[in-house]
Amino acid sequence: MSYSIRQLTRDDVHAYRAIRLEALTDHPESYGTAPDSFAARPIEALQTMLDRMAVFGVVTDNGALAGIVAYARDDGERETHRGWLLQVYVQPAMRGTGASLALLEAAVDHARSEVIQLHLMVGSHNAPAIRLYEKAGFTTYGTDPRCLYVNGRYIDEHMMVRFLDEAPGKTDQ
């Protein structure tokens, strides 16, 4: 299946809302937001978020949105060198096609002009996602125990980082 990667705009709000709700519903253990609270957000609030953050999407050859990743920069005066990848999700039909890695790299390329390091968090149980992030150059630097509480169980999350100002695979540990 062919696809393209592009930055979403406020005009994509309905497609964004649908895929984000799909991710939250189908994989509640992977996100800090509950589907019900997301569904209650007004469209205008989502449009504002799409204006403020850089959100990239996997778009299939038939124009459907099949994956998303959001990038946000820290805004604390001593943290502006750091950014975050959030809301990562690719529909099962697109996994294994290279779309997930291409989606991450689009966000990384965008972030390069603003930050020197990118962070993300991923459930310690999510081995496929961890492998993807490692393939994209991220390394684990810690684990946040009991980070989320979903459906009666605690979820530990690995904290991962990619230093954009270093050669791939190089760390100062």
C-alpha atoms as a PDB file:
ATOM      1  CA  MET A   1       0.000   0.000   0.000  1.00  0.00           C
ATOM      2  CA  SER A   2       1.413   3.391  -0.904  1.00  0.00           C
ATOM      3  CA  TYR A   3       1.302   6.350   1.445  1.00  0.00           C
ATOM      4  CA  SER A   4       2.641   9.828   1.990  1.00  0.00           C
ATOM      5  CA  ILE A   5       3.540  11.768   5.126  1.00  0.00           C
ATOM      6  CA  ARG A   6       2.398  15.338   5.646  1.00  0.00           C
ATOM      7  CA  GLN A   7       1.781  17.845   8.395  1.00  0.00           C
ATOM      8  CA  LEU A   8      -1.859  18.100   9.361  1.00  0.00           C
ATOM      9  CA  THR A   9      -3.749  21.385   9.492  1.00  0.00           C
ATOM     10  CA  ARG A  10      -6.967  22.507  11.141  1.00  0.00           C
ATOM     11  CA  ASP A  11      -8.762  21.345   7.980  1.00  0.00           C
ATOM     12  CA  ASP A  12      -7.832  17.764   8.950  1.00  0.00           C
ATOM     13  CA  VAL A  13      -9.565  18.016  12.318  1.00  0.00           C
ATOM     14  CA  HIS A  14     -12.277  15.425  11.664  1.00  0.00           C
ATOM     15  CA  ALA A  15      -9.847  12.815  10.311  1.00  0.00           C
ATOM     16  CA  TYR A  16      -7.458  13.574  13.188  1.00  0.00           C
ATOM     17  CA  ARG A  17     -10.259  13.241  15.744  1.00  0.00           C
ATOM     18  CA  ALA A  18     -11.344   9.883  14.281  1.00  0.00           C
ATOM     19  CA  ILE A  19      -7.886   8.292  14.275  1.00  0.00           C
ATOM     20  CA  ARG A  20      -6.972   9.655  17.697  1.00  0.00           C
ATOM     21  CA  LEU A  21     -10.203   8.262  19.124  1.00  0.00           C
ATOM     22  CA  GLU A  22      -9.442   4.922  17.428  1.00  0.00           C
ATOM     23  CA  ALA A  23      -6.009   4.820  19.075  1.00  0.00           C
ATOM     24  CA  LEU A  24      -7.376   5.696  22.516  1.00  0.00           C
ATOM     25  CA  THR A  25     -10.195   3.147  22.237  1.00  0.00           C
ATOM     26  CA  ASP A  26      -8.211   0.258  20.760  1.00  0.00           C
ATOM     27  CA  HIS A  27      -5.062   0.760  22.867  1.00  0.00           C
ATOM     28  CA  PRO A  28      -6.082   2.418  26.150  1.00  0.00           C
ATOM     29  CA  GLU A  29      -2.953   1.140  27.911  1.00  0.00           C
ATOM     30  CA  SER A  30      -0.766   3.190  25.577  1.00  0.00           C
ATOM     31  CA  TYR A  31      -2.107   6.671  26.268  1.00  0.00           C
ATOM     32  CA  GLY A  32      -2.687   8.959  29.221  1.00  0.00           C
ATOM     33  CA  THR A  33      -5.981  10.248  27.820  1.00  0.00           C
ATOM     34  CA  ALA A  34      -9.232   8.283  28.131  1.00  0.00           C
ATOM     35  CA  PRO A  35     -11.408   7.982  25.003  1.00  0.00           C
ATOM     36  CA  ASP A  36     -14.426   9.553  26.711  1.00  0.00           C
ATOM     37  CA  SER A  37     -12.572  12.685  27.785  1.00  0.00           C
ATOM     38  CA  PHE A  38     -11.028  13.074  24.326  1.00  0.00           C
ATOM     39  CA  ALA A  39     -14.397  12.591  22.616  1.00  0.00           C
ATOM     40  CA  ALA A  40     -15.846  15.370  24.782  1.00  0.00           C
ATOM     41  CA  ARG A  41     -13.360  17.957  23.496  1.00  0.00           C
ATOM     42  CA  PRO A  42     -14.902  20.503  21.169  1.00  0.00           C
ATOM     43  CA  ILE A  43     -13.774  20.515  17.537  1.00  0.00           C
ATOM     44  CA  GLU A  44     -12.550  24.093  18.016  1.00  0.00           C
ATOM     45  CA  ALA A  45     -10.159  22.941  20.778  1.00  0.00           C
ATOM     46  CA  LEU A  46      -8.759  20.268  18.470  1.00  0.00           C
ATOM     47  CA  GLN A  47      -8.324  22.810  15.680  1.00  0.00           C
ATOM     48  CA  THR A  48      -6.419  25.062  18.070  1.00  0.00           C
ATOM     49  CA  MET A  49      -4.204  22.128  19.046  1.00  0.00           C
ATOM     50  CA  LEU A  50      -3.512  21.373  15.357  1.00  0.00           C
ATOM     51  CA  ASP A  51      -2.584  25.052  14.852  1.00  0.00           C
ATOM     52  CA  ARG A  52      -0.280  25.076  17.890  1.00  0.00           C
ATOM     53  CA  MET A  53       1.456  21.698  17.606  1.00  0.00           C
ATOM     54  CA  ALA A  54       3.095  20.017  14.650  1.00  0.00           C
ATOM     55  CA  VAL A  55       1.042  16.895  13.947  1.00  0.00           C
ATOM     56  CA  PHE A  56       2.088  14.645  11.098  1.00  0.00           C
ATOM     57  CA  GLY A  57      -0.031  12.015   9.419  1.00  0.00           C
ATOM     58  CA  VAL A  58       0.322   8.933   7.268  1.00  0.00           C
ATOM     59  CA  VAL A  59      -2.036   9.444   4.337  1.00  0.00           C
ATOM     60  CA  THR A  60      -2.904   6.417   2.202  1.00  0.00           C
ATOM     61  CA  ASP A  61      -3.189   6.511  -1.579  1.00  0.00           C
ATOM     62  CA  ASN A  62      -6.972   6.825  -1.204  1.00  0.00           C
ATOM     63  CA  GLY A  63      -6.605   9.901   1.049  1.00  0.00           C
ATOM     64  CA  ALA A  64      -7.385   8.228   4.381  1.00  0.00           C
ATOM     65  CA  LEU A  65      -5.464   9.197   7.506  1.00  0.00           C
ATOM     66  CA  ALA A  66      -3.799   5.996   8.754  1.00  0.00           C
ATOM     67  CA  GLY A  67      -1.362   7.243  11.400  1.00  0.00           C
ATOM     68  CA  ILE A  68      -0.356  10.251  13.481  1.00  0.00           C
ATOM     69  CA  VAL A  69       2.448  11.645  15.599  1.00  0.00           C
ATOM     70  CA  ALA A  70       2.472  14.976  17.405  1.00  0.00           C
ATOM     71  CA  TYR A  71       5.546  17.043  18.219  1.00  0.00           C
ATOM     72  CA  ALA A  72       5.665  19.621  20.999  1.00  0.00           C
ATOM     73  CA  ARG A  73       8.552  21.709  22.233  1.00  0.00           C
ATOM     74  CA  ASP A  74       9.134  22.284  25.934  1.00  0.00           C
ATOM     75  CA  ASP A  75       8.517  25.922  26.773  1.00  0.00           C
ATOM     76  CA  GLY A  76      10.202  26.314  30.148  1.00  0.00           C
ATOM     77  CA  GLU A  77      13.023  28.871  29.869  1.00  0.00           C
ATOM     78  CA  ARG A  78      15.643  26.204  30.621  1.00  0.00           C
ATOM     79  CA  GLU A  79      13.996  23.409  28.641  1.00  0.00           C
ATOM     80  CA  THR A  80      13.566  24.877  25.174  1.00  0.00           C
ATOM     81  CA  HIS A  81      16.262  22.553  23.835  1.00  0.00           C
ATOM     82  CA  ARG A  82      13.909  19.583  24.390  1.00  0.00           C
ATOM     83  CA  GLY A  83      10.934  18.351  22.443  1.00  0.00           C
ATOM     84  CA  TRP A  84       8.445  15.501  22.773  1.00  0.00           C
ATOM     85  CA  LEU A  85       6.863  13.015  20.401  1.00  0.00           C
ATOM     86  CA  LEU A  86       3.309  12.304  21.505  1.00  0.00           C
ATOM     87  CA  GLN A  87       0.180  10.494  20.349  1.00  0.00           C
ATOM     88  CA  VAL A  88       2.081   8.029  18.145  1.00  0.00           C
ATOM     89  CA  TYR A  89      -0.316   5.656  16.390  1.00  0.00           C
ATOM     90  CA  VAL A  90      -0.384   3.803  13.076  1.00  0.00           C
ATOM     91  CA  GLN A  91      -3.287   1.605  12.052  1.00  0.00           C
ATOM     92  CA  PRO A  92      -2.528  -2.137  12.008  1.00  0.00           C
ATOM     93  CA  ALA A  93      -2.881  -2.380   8.207  1.00  0.00           C
ATOM     94  CA  MET A  94      -0.005   0.106   7.784  1.00  0.00           C
ATOM     95  CA  ARG A  95       2.372  -1.508  10.269  1.00  0.00           C
ATOM     96  CA  GLY A  96       5.339  -3.216   8.661  1.00  0.00           C
ATOM     97  CA  THR A  97       5.164  -1.016   5.544  1.00  0.00           C
ATOM     98  CA  GLY A  98       7.771   1.529   6.644  1.00  0.00           C
ATOM     99  CA  ALA A  99       5.069   4.105   7.318  1.00  0.00           C
ATOM    100  CA  SER A 100       5.696   4.166  11.085  1.00  0.00           C
ATOM    101  CA  LEU A 101       9.387   4.930  10.693  1.00  0.00           C
ATOM    102  CA  ALA A 102       8.698   7.493   7.954  1.00  0.00           C
ATOM    103  CA  LEU A 103       6.146   9.179  10.219  1.00  0.00           C
ATOM    104  CA  LEU A 104       8.641   9.404  13.091  1.00  0.00           C
ATOM    105  CA  GLU A 105      11.362  10.745  10.795  1.00  0.00           C
ATOM    106  CA  ALA A 106       9.048  13.489   9.510  1.00  0.00           C
ATOM    107  CA  ALA A 107       8.521  14.672  13.082  1.00  0.00           C
ATOM    108  CA  VAL A 108      12.253  14.364  13.837  1.00  0.00           C
ATOM    109  CA  ASP A 109      13.133  16.392  10.731  1.00  0.00           C
ATOM    110  CA  HIS A 110      10.697  19.103  11.791  1.00  0.00           C
ATOM    111  CA  ALA A 111      12.046  19.123  15.354  1.00  0.00           C
ATOM    112  CA  ARG A 112      15.671  19.532  14.214  1.00  0.00           C
ATOM    113  CA  SER A 113      15.098  23.220  13.517  1.00  0.00           C
ATOM    114  CA  GLU A 114      13.915  23.817  17.091  1.00  0.00           C
ATOM    115  CA  VAL A 115      15.499  21.355  19.535  1.00  0.00           C
ATOM    116  CA  ILE A 116      18.579  19.208  20.038  1.00  0.00           C
ATOM    117  CA  GLN A 117      16.860  16.287  21.730  1.00  0.00           C
ATOM    118  CA  LEU A 118      13.543  14.500  21.475  1.00  0.00           C
ATOM    119  CA  HIS A 119      11.841  12.516  24.201  1.00  0.00           C
ATOM    120  CA  LEU A 120       8.981  10.059  24.232  1.00  0.00           C
ATOM    121  CA  MET A 121       7.385   7.590  26.594  1.00  0.00           C
ATOM    122  CA  VAL A 122       6.262   4.090  25.723  1.00  0.00           C
ATOM    123  CA  GLY A 123       4.641   1.308  27.723  1.00  0.00           C
ATOM    124  CA  SER A 124       7.243  -1.190  28.910  1.00  0.00           C
ATOM    125  CA  HIS A 125       4.943  -3.966  27.624  1.00  0.00           C
ATOM    126  CA  ASN A 126       4.906  -2.595  24.049  1.00  0.00           C
ATOM    127  CA  ALA A 127       7.865  -4.449  22.503  1.00  0.00           C
ATOM    128  CA  PRO A 128       6.984  -3.633  18.851  1.00  0.00           C
ATOM    129  CA  ALA A 129       6.864   0.105  19.585  1.00  0.00           C
ATOM    130  CA  ILE A 130      10.105  -0.043  21.569  1.00  0.00           C
ATOM    131  CA  ARG A 131      11.817  -1.786  18.614  1.00  0.00           C
ATOM    132  CA  LEU A 132      10.490   0.902  16.255  1.00  0.00           C
ATOM    133  CA  TYR A 133      11.774   3.711  18.465  1.00  0.00           C
ATOM    134  CA  GLU A 134      15.166   2.039  18.807  1.00  0.00           C
ATOM    135  CA  LYS A 135      15.317   1.672  15.020  1.00  0.00           C
ATOM    136  CA  ALA A 136      14.589   5.412  14.819  1.00  0.00           C
ATOM    137  CA  GLY A 137      17.585   6.149  17.062  1.00  0.00           C
ATOM    138  CA  PHE A 138      15.923   6.466  20.471  1.00  0.00           C
ATOM    139  CA  THR A 139      17.462   4.932  23.587  1.00  0.00           C
ATOM    140  CA  THR A 140      15.871   4.151  26.940  1.00  0.00           C
ATOM    141  CA  TYR A 141      17.151   6.229  29.837  1.00  0.00           C
ATOM    142  CA  GLY A 142      14.741   5.201  32.559  1.00  0.00           C
ATOM    143  CA  THR A 143      11.397   3.752  33.522  1.00  0.00           C
ATOM    144  CA  ASP A 144       8.527   5.582  35.169  1.00  0.00           C
ATOM    145  CA  PRO A 145       6.899   2.910  37.358  1.00  0.00           C
ATOM    146  CA  ARG A 146       3.112   2.917  37.555  1.00  0.00           C
ATOM    147  CA  CYS A 147       2.991   5.846  35.165  1.00  0.00           C
ATOM    148  CA  LEU A 148      -0.560   5.079  34.050  1.00  0.00           C
ATOM    149  CA  TYR A 149      -3.477   3.342  35.730  1.00  0.00           C
ATOM    150  CA  VAL A 150      -5.727   1.788  33.086  1.00  0.00           C
ATOM    151  CA  ASN A 151      -8.563  -0.680  33.514  1.00  0.00           C
ATOM    152  CA  GLY A 152      -7.472  -1.696  36.991  1.00  0.00           C
ATOM    153  CA  ARG A 153      -3.765  -2.176  36.294  1.00  0.00           C
ATOM    154  CA  TYR A 154      -0.645  -0.080  36.463  1.00  0.00           C
ATOM    155  CA  ILE A 155       1.437   0.532  33.348  1.00  0.00           C
ATOM    156  CA  ASP A 156       5.169   1.232  33.581  1.00  0.00           C
ATOM    157  CA  GLU A 157       6.490   3.526  30.855  1.00  0.00           C
ATOM    158  CA  HIS A 158      10.004   3.628  29.463  1.00  0.00           C
ATOM    159  CA  MET A 159      11.407   7.092  28.879  1.00  0.00           C
ATOM    160  CA  MET A 160      13.365   7.326  25.634  1.00  0.00           C
ATOM    161  CA  VAL A 161      15.504  10.045  24.060  1.00  0.00           C
ATOM    162  CA  ARG A 162      17.152  10.781  20.742  1.00  0.00           C
ATOM    163  CA  PHE A 163      19.938  13.348  20.671  1.00  0.00           C
ATOM    164  CA  LEU A 164      19.661  15.231  17.391  1.00  0.00           C
ATOM    165  CA  ASP A 165      23.043  16.909  17.765  1.00  0.00           C
ATOM    166  CA  GLU A 166      24.954  13.610  17.893  1.00  0.00           C
ATOM    167  CA  ALA A 167      25.692  10.919  15.345  1.00  0.00           C
ATOM    168  CA  PRO A 168      23.157   8.053  15.392  1.00  0.00           C
ATOM    169  CA  GLY A 169      23.895   5.570  18.155  1.00  0.00           C
ATOM    170  CA  LYS A 170      26.298   7.889  20.020  1.00  0.00           C
ATOM    171  CA  THR A 171      25.492   8.731  23.633  1.00  0.00           C
ATOM    172  CA  ASP A 172      27.452  10.227  26.511  1.00  0.00           C
ATOM    173  CA  GLN A 173      26.592   7.684  29.178  1.00  0.00           C
END
